[in-house]
């Protein structure tokens, strides 16, 4: 009998033996932070996800909440994570410090993500996490889609008149310069009132009297914060603020687009472009 067929079958078997481990080698991941949740839900195969935080299912702050419905959740406790034996743990730079220290002690691979303050940060984090998950092509595709939408937004912004905007938050705070909200304003061709007033970048306290006197053209609010059962959030319903808002263009940004910066947060820029 010819040796051609056995050799061919052997080659096929070898290819299958090589291919199967490659597929099985995709790392199983646990997230300990709501922003890390977003990247995992966006980039990983569902079978890779061992656990996400309980916040991943909250549609008000999680962009991909619908994808998290059937995924196990955690509260960033070590006793929840250790039995899962994940290949990779994603967390925020300032989150779950005790749990992270313990996981490192037991030699788990942990990647800590800093707060993304720009779309350049978003691109870098997306590609970093995608590579760690064994999904580099998926990450690159997401970044390229984001960049295309940002380019279109830039073209649209150039056709609009310049406007001064502020994002007003509970406790008379405004989104400071250098924040992700500031990045959204810049991408939409808006001038952040906080920059114009020279308020500190670390904590932009903006009394209501100063806001009314400065008279920005666009008032951006987070109605998710306004619904929070707290005196700080109740301030957003102050009669004076409501009267002022009635004479201004008001844009309500969903917290899910701004709580965590992802490639899909470009939708917030597109919303800010509708300011006339």
C-alpha atoms as a PDB file:
ATOM      1  CA  UNK A   1       0.000   0.000   0.000  1.00  0.00           C
ATOM      2  CA  UNK A   2       1.216   3.526  -0.783  1.00  0.00           C
ATOM      3  CA  UNK A   3       2.667   5.461   2.125  1.00  0.00           C
ATOM      4  CA  UNK A   4       1.044   8.699   0.883  1.00  0.00           C
ATOM      5  CA  UNK A   5      -2.272   8.197   2.697  1.00  0.00           C
ATOM      6  CA  UNK A   6      -0.786   7.317   6.100  1.00  0.00           C
ATOM      7  CA  UNK A   7       1.546  10.266   5.842  1.00  0.00           C
ATOM      8  CA  UNK A   8      -1.351  12.580   4.999  1.00  0.00           C
ATOM      9  CA  UNK A   9      -3.388  11.237   7.901  1.00  0.00           C
ATOM     10  CA  UNK A  10      -0.399  11.693  10.170  1.00  0.00           C
ATOM     11  CA  UNK A  11      -0.008  15.276   9.082  1.00  0.00           C
ATOM     12  CA  UNK A  12      -3.702  15.971   9.728  1.00  0.00           C
ATOM     13  CA  UNK A  13      -3.462  14.400  13.179  1.00  0.00           C
ATOM     14  CA  UNK A  14      -0.417  16.523  13.973  1.00  0.00           C
ATOM     15  CA  UNK A  15      -2.215  19.697  12.891  1.00  0.00           C
ATOM     16  CA  UNK A  16      -5.209  18.819  15.057  1.00  0.00           C
ATOM     17  CA  UNK A  17      -2.945  18.090  18.013  1.00  0.00           C
ATOM     18  CA  UNK A  18      -1.356  21.490  17.605  1.00  0.00           C
ATOM     19  CA  UNK A  19      -4.627  23.360  16.982  1.00  0.00           C
ATOM     20  CA  UNK A  20      -6.569  21.939  19.912  1.00  0.00           C
ATOM     21  CA  UNK A  21      -4.177  23.119  22.646  1.00  0.00           C
ATOM     22  CA  UNK A  22      -4.033  26.563  21.049  1.00  0.00           C
ATOM     23  CA  UNK A  23      -7.794  26.901  21.386  1.00  0.00           C
ATOM     24  CA  UNK A  24      -7.811  25.452  24.884  1.00  0.00           C
ATOM     25  CA  UNK A  25      -4.978  27.764  25.906  1.00  0.00           C
ATOM     26  CA  UNK A  26      -7.163  30.895  25.904  1.00  0.00           C
ATOM     27  CA  UNK A  27      -6.787  32.130  29.497  1.00  0.00           C
ATOM     28  CA  UNK A  28      -9.663  32.025  31.960  1.00  0.00           C
ATOM     29  CA  UNK A  29     -10.122  35.451  33.492  1.00  0.00           C
ATOM     30  CA  UNK A  30     -11.592  36.988  36.630  1.00  0.00           C
ATOM     31  CA  UNK A  31     -12.339  40.697  36.957  1.00  0.00           C
ATOM     32  CA  UNK A  32     -12.348  42.538  40.299  1.00  0.00           C
ATOM     33  CA  UNK A  33     -13.273  45.978  38.971  1.00  0.00           C
ATOM     34  CA  UNK A  34     -16.268  47.316  37.055  1.00  0.00           C
ATOM     35  CA  UNK A  35     -14.082  48.966  34.400  1.00  0.00           C
ATOM     36  CA  UNK A  36     -12.109  45.763  33.923  1.00  0.00           C
ATOM     37  CA  UNK A  37     -15.491  44.037  33.562  1.00  0.00           C
ATOM     38  CA  UNK A  38     -16.209  46.188  30.519  1.00  0.00           C
ATOM     39  CA  UNK A  39     -13.020  45.175  28.751  1.00  0.00           C
ATOM     40  CA  UNK A  40     -13.534  41.499  29.528  1.00  0.00           C
ATOM     41  CA  UNK A  41     -17.130  41.526  28.291  1.00  0.00           C
ATOM     42  CA  UNK A  42     -16.098  43.363  25.152  1.00  0.00           C
ATOM     43  CA  UNK A  43     -13.060  41.282  24.247  1.00  0.00           C
ATOM     44  CA  UNK A  44     -13.209  37.787  25.758  1.00  0.00           C
ATOM     45  CA  UNK A  45     -15.097  34.704  24.644  1.00  0.00           C
ATOM     46  CA  UNK A  46     -17.859  33.920  27.169  1.00  0.00           C
ATOM     47  CA  UNK A  47     -16.173  30.592  27.926  1.00  0.00           C
ATOM     48  CA  UNK A  48     -13.060  32.479  29.062  1.00  0.00           C
ATOM     49  CA  UNK A  49     -14.862  34.464  31.756  1.00  0.00           C
ATOM     50  CA  UNK A  50     -14.733  32.773  35.150  1.00  0.00           C
ATOM     51  CA  UNK A  51     -16.220  35.662  37.135  1.00  0.00           C
ATOM     52  CA  UNK A  52     -17.019  39.387  36.998  1.00  0.00           C
ATOM     53  CA  UNK A  53     -17.945  41.887  39.673  1.00  0.00           C
ATOM     54  CA  UNK A  54     -21.568  42.186  40.757  1.00  0.00           C
ATOM     55  CA  UNK A  55     -21.663  45.609  39.075  1.00  0.00           C
ATOM     56  CA  UNK A  56     -21.177  44.079  35.624  1.00  0.00           C
ATOM     57  CA  UNK A  57     -24.928  43.355  35.476  1.00  0.00           C
ATOM     58  CA  UNK A  58     -25.985  46.911  36.347  1.00  0.00           C
ATOM     59  CA  UNK A  59     -27.060  48.476  33.053  1.00  0.00           C
ATOM     60  CA  UNK A  60     -26.836  52.010  34.472  1.00  0.00           C
ATOM     61  CA  UNK A  61     -23.057  51.794  34.834  1.00  0.00           C
ATOM     62  CA  UNK A  62     -22.086  48.774  32.709  1.00  0.00           C
ATOM     63  CA  UNK A  63     -22.023  49.201  28.942  1.00  0.00           C
ATOM     64  CA  UNK A  64     -22.242  45.474  28.295  1.00  0.00           C
ATOM     65  CA  UNK A  65     -24.586  44.472  31.133  1.00  0.00           C
ATOM     66  CA  UNK A  66     -26.699  42.262  28.881  1.00  0.00           C
ATOM     67  CA  UNK A  67     -23.685  40.048  28.183  1.00  0.00           C
ATOM     68  CA  UNK A  68     -23.061  39.513  31.903  1.00  0.00           C
ATOM     69  CA  UNK A  69     -26.442  38.040  32.822  1.00  0.00           C
ATOM     70  CA  UNK A  70     -25.313  34.403  32.914  1.00  0.00           C
ATOM     71  CA  UNK A  71     -21.746  34.953  34.086  1.00  0.00           C
ATOM     72  CA  UNK A  72     -20.842  34.231  37.747  1.00  0.00           C
ATOM     73  CA  UNK A  73     -20.238  37.317  39.874  1.00  0.00           C
ATOM     74  CA  UNK A  74     -17.890  38.174  42.721  1.00  0.00           C
ATOM     75  CA  UNK A  75     -17.454  40.855  45.367  1.00  0.00           C
ATOM     76  CA  UNK A  76     -13.653  41.025  45.013  1.00  0.00           C
ATOM     77  CA  UNK A  77     -13.066  38.667  47.946  1.00  0.00           C
ATOM     78  CA  UNK A  78     -10.108  36.309  47.838  1.00  0.00           C
ATOM     79  CA  UNK A  79     -12.170  33.338  49.020  1.00  0.00           C
ATOM     80  CA  UNK A  80     -14.349  33.741  45.924  1.00  0.00           C
ATOM     81  CA  UNK A  81     -11.425  33.941  43.518  1.00  0.00           C
ATOM     82  CA  UNK A  82      -8.976  31.299  44.761  1.00  0.00           C
ATOM     83  CA  UNK A  83     -11.243  28.281  44.056  1.00  0.00           C
ATOM     84  CA  UNK A  84     -11.694  29.452  40.454  1.00  0.00           C
ATOM     85  CA  UNK A  85      -7.955  29.147  39.755  1.00  0.00           C
ATOM     86  CA  UNK A  86      -8.007  31.754  36.953  1.00  0.00           C
ATOM     87  CA  UNK A  87      -5.117  32.205  34.551  1.00  0.00           C
ATOM     88  CA  UNK A  88      -5.543  35.983  34.662  1.00  0.00           C
ATOM     89  CA  UNK A  89      -7.004  38.491  37.112  1.00  0.00           C
ATOM     90  CA  UNK A  90      -7.877  42.022  35.992  1.00  0.00           C
ATOM     91  CA  UNK A  91      -8.429  44.805  38.478  1.00  0.00           C
ATOM     92  CA  UNK A  92      -8.248  48.566  38.924  1.00  0.00           C
ATOM     93  CA  UNK A  93      -5.096  50.199  40.233  1.00  0.00           C
ATOM     94  CA  UNK A  94      -6.794  51.194  43.494  1.00  0.00           C
ATOM     95  CA  UNK A  95      -9.339  48.375  43.876  1.00  0.00           C
ATOM     96  CA  UNK A  96      -9.423  45.337  46.179  1.00  0.00           C
ATOM     97  CA  UNK A  97      -5.895  45.885  47.499  1.00  0.00           C
ATOM     98  CA  UNK A  98      -5.977  43.088  50.094  1.00  0.00           C
ATOM     99  CA  UNK A  99      -7.325  40.577  47.580  1.00  0.00           C
ATOM    100  CA  UNK A 100      -4.790  41.607  44.960  1.00  0.00           C
ATOM    101  CA  UNK A 101      -1.905  41.258  47.430  1.00  0.00           C
ATOM    102  CA  UNK A 102      -3.084  37.780  48.396  1.00  0.00           C
ATOM    103  CA  UNK A 103      -3.487  36.681  44.786  1.00  0.00           C
ATOM    104  CA  UNK A 104       0.010  37.899  43.989  1.00  0.00           C
ATOM    105  CA  UNK A 105       1.300  35.976  47.002  1.00  0.00           C
ATOM    106  CA  UNK A 106      -0.158  32.809  45.501  1.00  0.00           C
ATOM    107  CA  UNK A 107       1.485  33.625  42.146  1.00  0.00           C
ATOM    108  CA  UNK A 108      -1.641  34.471  40.176  1.00  0.00           C
ATOM    109  CA  UNK A 109      -1.126  36.696  37.163  1.00  0.00           C
ATOM    110  CA  UNK A 110      -2.669  40.086  37.969  1.00  0.00           C
ATOM    111  CA  UNK A 111      -2.955  43.071  35.639  1.00  0.00           C
ATOM    112  CA  UNK A 112      -3.847  46.390  37.265  1.00  0.00           C
ATOM    113  CA  UNK A 113      -5.497  48.994  35.060  1.00  0.00           C
ATOM    114  CA  UNK A 114      -5.213  52.697  35.799  1.00  0.00           C
ATOM    115  CA  UNK A 115      -8.114  55.072  35.198  1.00  0.00           C
ATOM    116  CA  UNK A 116      -8.365  55.893  31.486  1.00  0.00           C
ATOM    117  CA  UNK A 117      -8.493  59.656  31.001  1.00  0.00           C
ATOM    118  CA  UNK A 118      -8.271  59.820  27.214  1.00  0.00           C
ATOM    119  CA  UNK A 119      -9.098  57.785  24.139  1.00  0.00           C
ATOM    120  CA  UNK A 120      -5.379  57.161  23.729  1.00  0.00           C
ATOM    121  CA  UNK A 121      -5.480  55.513  27.169  1.00  0.00           C
ATOM    122  CA  UNK A 122      -8.523  53.534  26.031  1.00  0.00           C
ATOM    123  CA  UNK A 123      -6.713  52.267  22.938  1.00  0.00           C
ATOM    124  CA  UNK A 124      -3.676  51.250  24.980  1.00  0.00           C
ATOM    125  CA  UNK A 125      -5.719  49.411  27.617  1.00  0.00           C
ATOM    126  CA  UNK A 126      -7.916  47.703  25.046  1.00  0.00           C
ATOM    127  CA  UNK A 127      -4.923  46.324  23.179  1.00  0.00           C
ATOM    128  CA  UNK A 128      -3.172  45.336  26.408  1.00  0.00           C
ATOM    129  CA  UNK A 129      -6.164  43.391  27.725  1.00  0.00           C
ATOM    130  CA  UNK A 130      -6.987  41.885  24.335  1.00  0.00           C
ATOM    131  CA  UNK A 131      -3.453  40.521  24.067  1.00  0.00           C
ATOM    132  CA  UNK A 132      -3.573  39.148  27.616  1.00  0.00           C
ATOM    133  CA  UNK A 133      -6.849  37.403  26.761  1.00  0.00           C
ATOM    134  CA  UNK A 134      -5.417  35.894  23.582  1.00  0.00           C
ATOM    135  CA  UNK A 135      -7.707  38.122  21.484  1.00  0.00           C
ATOM    136  CA  UNK A 136      -5.364  40.697  19.898  1.00  0.00           C
ATOM    137  CA  UNK A 137      -7.285  40.906  16.618  1.00  0.00           C
ATOM    138  CA  UNK A 138     -10.524  41.612  18.473  1.00  0.00           C
ATOM    139  CA  UNK A 139      -8.862  44.413  20.415  1.00  0.00           C
ATOM    140  CA  UNK A 140      -7.310  45.959  17.311  1.00  0.00           C
ATOM    141  CA  UNK A 141     -10.662  45.877  15.501  1.00  0.00           C
ATOM    142  CA  UNK A 142     -12.369  47.654  18.421  1.00  0.00           C
ATOM    143  CA  UNK A 143      -9.676  50.347  18.474  1.00  0.00           C
ATOM    144  CA  UNK A 144      -9.894  50.909  14.734  1.00  0.00           C
ATOM    145  CA  UNK A 145     -13.685  51.287  14.906  1.00  0.00           C
ATOM    146  CA  UNK A 146     -13.257  53.799  17.724  1.00  0.00           C
ATOM    147  CA  UNK A 147     -10.703  55.817  15.771  1.00  0.00           C
ATOM    148  CA  UNK A 148     -12.929  55.919  12.703  1.00  0.00           C
ATOM    149  CA  UNK A 149     -15.849  57.237  14.770  1.00  0.00           C
ATOM    150  CA  UNK A 150     -13.592  59.821  16.458  1.00  0.00           C
ATOM    151  CA  UNK A 151     -12.410  61.022  13.058  1.00  0.00           C
ATOM    152  CA  UNK A 152     -16.014  61.431  11.916  1.00  0.00           C
ATOM    153  CA  UNK A 153     -16.824  63.283  15.155  1.00  0.00           C
ATOM    154  CA  UNK A 154     -13.890  65.635  14.611  1.00  0.00           C
ATOM    155  CA  UNK A 155     -15.175  66.485  11.141  1.00  0.00           C
ATOM    156  CA  UNK A 156     -18.644  67.174  12.520  1.00  0.00           C
ATOM    157  CA  UNK A 157     -17.284  69.308  15.376  1.00  0.00           C
ATOM    158  CA  UNK A 158     -15.431  71.536  12.911  1.00  0.00           C
ATOM    159  CA  UNK A 159     -18.744  72.534  11.322  1.00  0.00           C
ATOM    160  CA  UNK A 160     -20.294  73.630  14.634  1.00  0.00           C
ATOM    161  CA  UNK A 161     -19.871  76.966  16.432  1.00  0.00           C
ATOM    162  CA  UNK A 162     -17.681  76.976  19.524  1.00  0.00           C
ATOM    163  CA  UNK A 163     -19.556  76.457  22.792  1.00  0.00           C
ATOM    164  CA  UNK A 164     -18.641  76.475  26.492  1.00  0.00           C
ATOM    165  CA  UNK A 165     -19.840  73.429  28.442  1.00  0.00           C
ATOM    166  CA  UNK A 166     -19.714  72.067  31.957  1.00  0.00           C
ATOM    167  CA  UNK A 167     -20.623  68.740  33.486  1.00  0.00           C
ATOM    168  CA  UNK A 168     -22.250  69.514  36.805  1.00  0.00           C
ATOM    169  CA  UNK A 169     -22.234  66.851  39.488  1.00  0.00           C
ATOM    170  CA  UNK A 170     -23.510  66.354  43.058  1.00  0.00           C
ATOM    171  CA  UNK A 171     -22.008  68.537  45.805  1.00  0.00           C
ATOM    172  CA  UNK A 172     -21.442  71.420  43.374  1.00  0.00           C
ATOM    173  CA  UNK A 173     -18.578  69.663  41.645  1.00  0.00           C
ATOM    174  CA  UNK A 174     -17.729  69.884  37.957  1.00  0.00           C
ATOM    175  CA  UNK A 175     -15.787  67.493  35.761  1.00  0.00           C
ATOM    176  CA  UNK A 176     -12.196  68.780  36.033  1.00  0.00           C
ATOM    177  CA  UNK A 177      -9.602  69.359  33.356  1.00  0.00           C
ATOM    178  CA  UNK A 178      -7.641  66.203  32.599  1.00  0.00           C
ATOM    179  CA  UNK A 179     -10.643  63.977  33.290  1.00  0.00           C
ATOM    180  CA  UNK A 180     -12.291  61.680  30.770  1.00  0.00           C
ATOM    181  CA  UNK A 181     -15.256  64.082  30.591  1.00  0.00           C
ATOM    182  CA  UNK A 182     -12.781  66.812  29.645  1.00  0.00           C
ATOM    183  CA  UNK A 183     -11.550  64.530  26.861  1.00  0.00           C
ATOM    184  CA  UNK A 184     -15.129  64.028  25.637  1.00  0.00           C
ATOM    185  CA  UNK A 185     -15.636  67.791  25.526  1.00  0.00           C
ATOM    186  CA  UNK A 186     -12.425  68.334  23.583  1.00  0.00           C
ATOM    187  CA  UNK A 187     -13.301  65.648  21.047  1.00  0.00           C
ATOM    188  CA  UNK A 188     -16.730  67.231  20.561  1.00  0.00           C
ATOM    189  CA  UNK A 189     -15.228  70.697  20.080  1.00  0.00           C
ATOM    190  CA  UNK A 190     -16.500  72.028  23.410  1.00  0.00           C
ATOM    191  CA  UNK A 191     -14.615  74.364  25.748  1.00  0.00           C
ATOM    192  CA  UNK A 192     -14.697  73.065  29.345  1.00  0.00           C
ATOM    193  CA  UNK A 193     -15.855  75.867  31.669  1.00  0.00           C
ATOM    194  CA  UNK A 194     -13.586  74.489  34.388  1.00  0.00           C
ATOM    195  CA  UNK A 195     -10.531  75.228  32.236  1.00  0.00           C
ATOM    196  CA  UNK A 196     -11.804  78.720  31.435  1.00  0.00           C
ATOM    197  CA  UNK A 197     -12.271  79.493  35.128  1.00  0.00           C
ATOM    198  CA  UNK A 198      -8.901  78.022  36.069  1.00  0.00           C
ATOM    199  CA  UNK A 199     -10.336  75.688  38.694  1.00  0.00           C
ATOM    200  CA  UNK A 200      -8.041  73.047  40.251  1.00  0.00           C
ATOM    201  CA  UNK A 201      -7.684  69.865  38.214  1.00  0.00           C
ATOM    202  CA  UNK A 202      -7.890  67.552  41.215  1.00  0.00           C
ATOM    203  CA  UNK A 203     -11.247  68.761  42.570  1.00  0.00           C
ATOM    204  CA  UNK A 204     -13.225  71.304  40.577  1.00  0.00           C
ATOM    205  CA  UNK A 205     -15.575  72.853  43.133  1.00  0.00           C
ATOM    206  CA  UNK A 206     -18.046  75.077  41.298  1.00  0.00           C
ATOM    207  CA  UNK A 207     -20.639  76.835  43.498  1.00  0.00           C
ATOM    208  CA  UNK A 208     -24.035  77.286  41.893  1.00  0.00           C
ATOM    209  CA  UNK A 209     -23.668  81.079  42.029  1.00  0.00           C
ATOM    210  CA  UNK A 210     -20.425  80.859  40.044  1.00  0.00           C
ATOM    211  CA  UNK A 211     -22.020  78.517  37.521  1.00  0.00           C
ATOM    212  CA  UNK A 212     -24.929  80.875  36.881  1.00  0.00           C
ATOM    213  CA  UNK A 213     -22.598  83.875  36.631  1.00  0.00           C
ATOM    214  CA  UNK A 214     -20.290  82.105  34.151  1.00  0.00           C
ATOM    215  CA  UNK A 215     -23.331  81.142  32.039  1.00  0.00           C
ATOM    216  CA  UNK A 216     -21.970  78.208  29.995  1.00  0.00           C
ATOM    217  CA  UNK A 217     -23.839  77.438  26.781  1.00  0.00           C
ATOM    218  CA  UNK A 218     -24.195  73.712  27.445  1.00  0.00           C
ATOM    219  CA  UNK A 219     -25.026  72.025  30.739  1.00  0.00           C
ATOM    220  CA  UNK A 220     -24.201  68.321  30.923  1.00  0.00           C
ATOM    221  CA  UNK A 221     -25.863  66.264  33.649  1.00  0.00           C
ATOM    222  CA  UNK A 222     -25.725  62.681  34.827  1.00  0.00           C
ATOM    223  CA  UNK A 223     -29.287  61.732  35.688  1.00  0.00           C
ATOM    224  CA  UNK A 224     -28.104  58.436  37.176  1.00  0.00           C
ATOM    225  CA  UNK A 225     -26.408  60.452  39.900  1.00  0.00           C
ATOM    226  CA  UNK A 226     -29.541  62.564  40.344  1.00  0.00           C
ATOM    227  CA  UNK A 227     -31.553  59.421  41.102  1.00  0.00           C
ATOM    228  CA  UNK A 228     -29.174  58.399  43.859  1.00  0.00           C
ATOM    229  CA  UNK A 229     -30.831  58.552  47.314  1.00  0.00           C
ATOM    230  CA  UNK A 230     -28.486  61.140  48.840  1.00  0.00           C
ATOM    231  CA  UNK A 231     -28.516  64.806  49.786  1.00  0.00           C
ATOM    232  CA  UNK A 232     -25.562  65.393  47.473  1.00  0.00           C
ATOM    233  CA  UNK A 233     -27.486  64.100  44.467  1.00  0.00           C
ATOM    234  CA  UNK A 234     -30.629  65.986  45.528  1.00  0.00           C
ATOM    235  CA  UNK A 235     -28.695  69.203  44.855  1.00  0.00           C
ATOM    236  CA  UNK A 236     -29.084  68.540  41.111  1.00  0.00           C
ATOM    237  CA  UNK A 237     -32.799  69.236  41.605  1.00  0.00           C
ATOM    238  CA  UNK A 238     -32.170  72.649  43.223  1.00  0.00           C
ATOM    239  CA  UNK A 239     -34.781  75.178  41.950  1.00  0.00           C
ATOM    240  CA  UNK A 240     -32.104  77.692  40.958  1.00  0.00           C
ATOM    241  CA  UNK A 241     -30.276  75.061  38.939  1.00  0.00           C
ATOM    242  CA  UNK A 242     -33.488  73.978  37.286  1.00  0.00           C
ATOM    243  CA  UNK A 243     -34.291  77.589  36.309  1.00  0.00           C
ATOM    244  CA  UNK A 244     -30.798  78.047  34.907  1.00  0.00           C
ATOM    245  CA  UNK A 245     -31.009  74.755  32.989  1.00  0.00           C
ATOM    246  CA  UNK A 246     -34.266  75.860  31.400  1.00  0.00           C
ATOM    247  CA  UNK A 247     -32.389  78.589  29.508  1.00  0.00           C
ATOM    248  CA  UNK A 248     -29.516  76.365  28.392  1.00  0.00           C
ATOM    249  CA  UNK A 249     -28.938  73.363  26.161  1.00  0.00           C
ATOM    250  CA  UNK A 250     -28.983  70.403  28.534  1.00  0.00           C
ATOM    251  CA  UNK A 251     -27.447  67.071  27.578  1.00  0.00           C
ATOM    252  CA  UNK A 252     -27.888  64.035  29.780  1.00  0.00           C
ATOM    253  CA  UNK A 253     -25.067  61.537  29.342  1.00  0.00           C
ATOM    254  CA  UNK A 254     -25.708  57.939  30.422  1.00  0.00           C
ATOM    255  CA  UNK A 255     -23.381  57.006  33.266  1.00  0.00           C
ATOM    256  CA  UNK A 256     -22.607  53.755  31.460  1.00  0.00           C
ATOM    257  CA  UNK A 257     -20.712  55.746  28.827  1.00  0.00           C
ATOM    258  CA  UNK A 258     -18.656  57.782  31.281  1.00  0.00           C
ATOM    259  CA  UNK A 259     -18.151  55.701  34.436  1.00  0.00           C
ATOM    260  CA  UNK A 260     -15.653  53.547  32.555  1.00  0.00           C
ATOM    261  CA  UNK A 261     -13.903  54.642  29.384  1.00  0.00           C
ATOM    262  CA  UNK A 262     -14.018  52.076  26.587  1.00  0.00           C
ATOM    263  CA  UNK A 263     -13.941  52.190  22.814  1.00  0.00           C
ATOM    264  CA  UNK A 264     -17.753  52.430  22.912  1.00  0.00           C
ATOM    265  CA  UNK A 265     -17.599  55.627  24.982  1.00  0.00           C
ATOM    266  CA  UNK A 266     -17.170  57.495  21.719  1.00  0.00           C
ATOM    267  CA  UNK A 267     -20.988  57.419  21.678  1.00  0.00           C
ATOM    268  CA  UNK A 268     -20.837  60.124  24.378  1.00  0.00           C
ATOM    269  CA  UNK A 269     -18.869  62.366  21.993  1.00  0.00           C
ATOM    270  CA  UNK A 270     -21.521  61.797  19.339  1.00  0.00           C
ATOM    271  CA  UNK A 271     -24.230  62.804  21.816  1.00  0.00           C
ATOM    272  CA  UNK A 272     -22.344  66.007  22.711  1.00  0.00           C
ATOM    273  CA  UNK A 273     -22.249  66.969  19.038  1.00  0.00           C
ATOM    274  CA  UNK A 274     -26.049  67.413  19.153  1.00  0.00           C
ATOM    275  CA  UNK A 275     -25.781  70.571  21.217  1.00  0.00           C
ATOM    276  CA  UNK A 276     -27.540  73.172  19.100  1.00  0.00           C
END
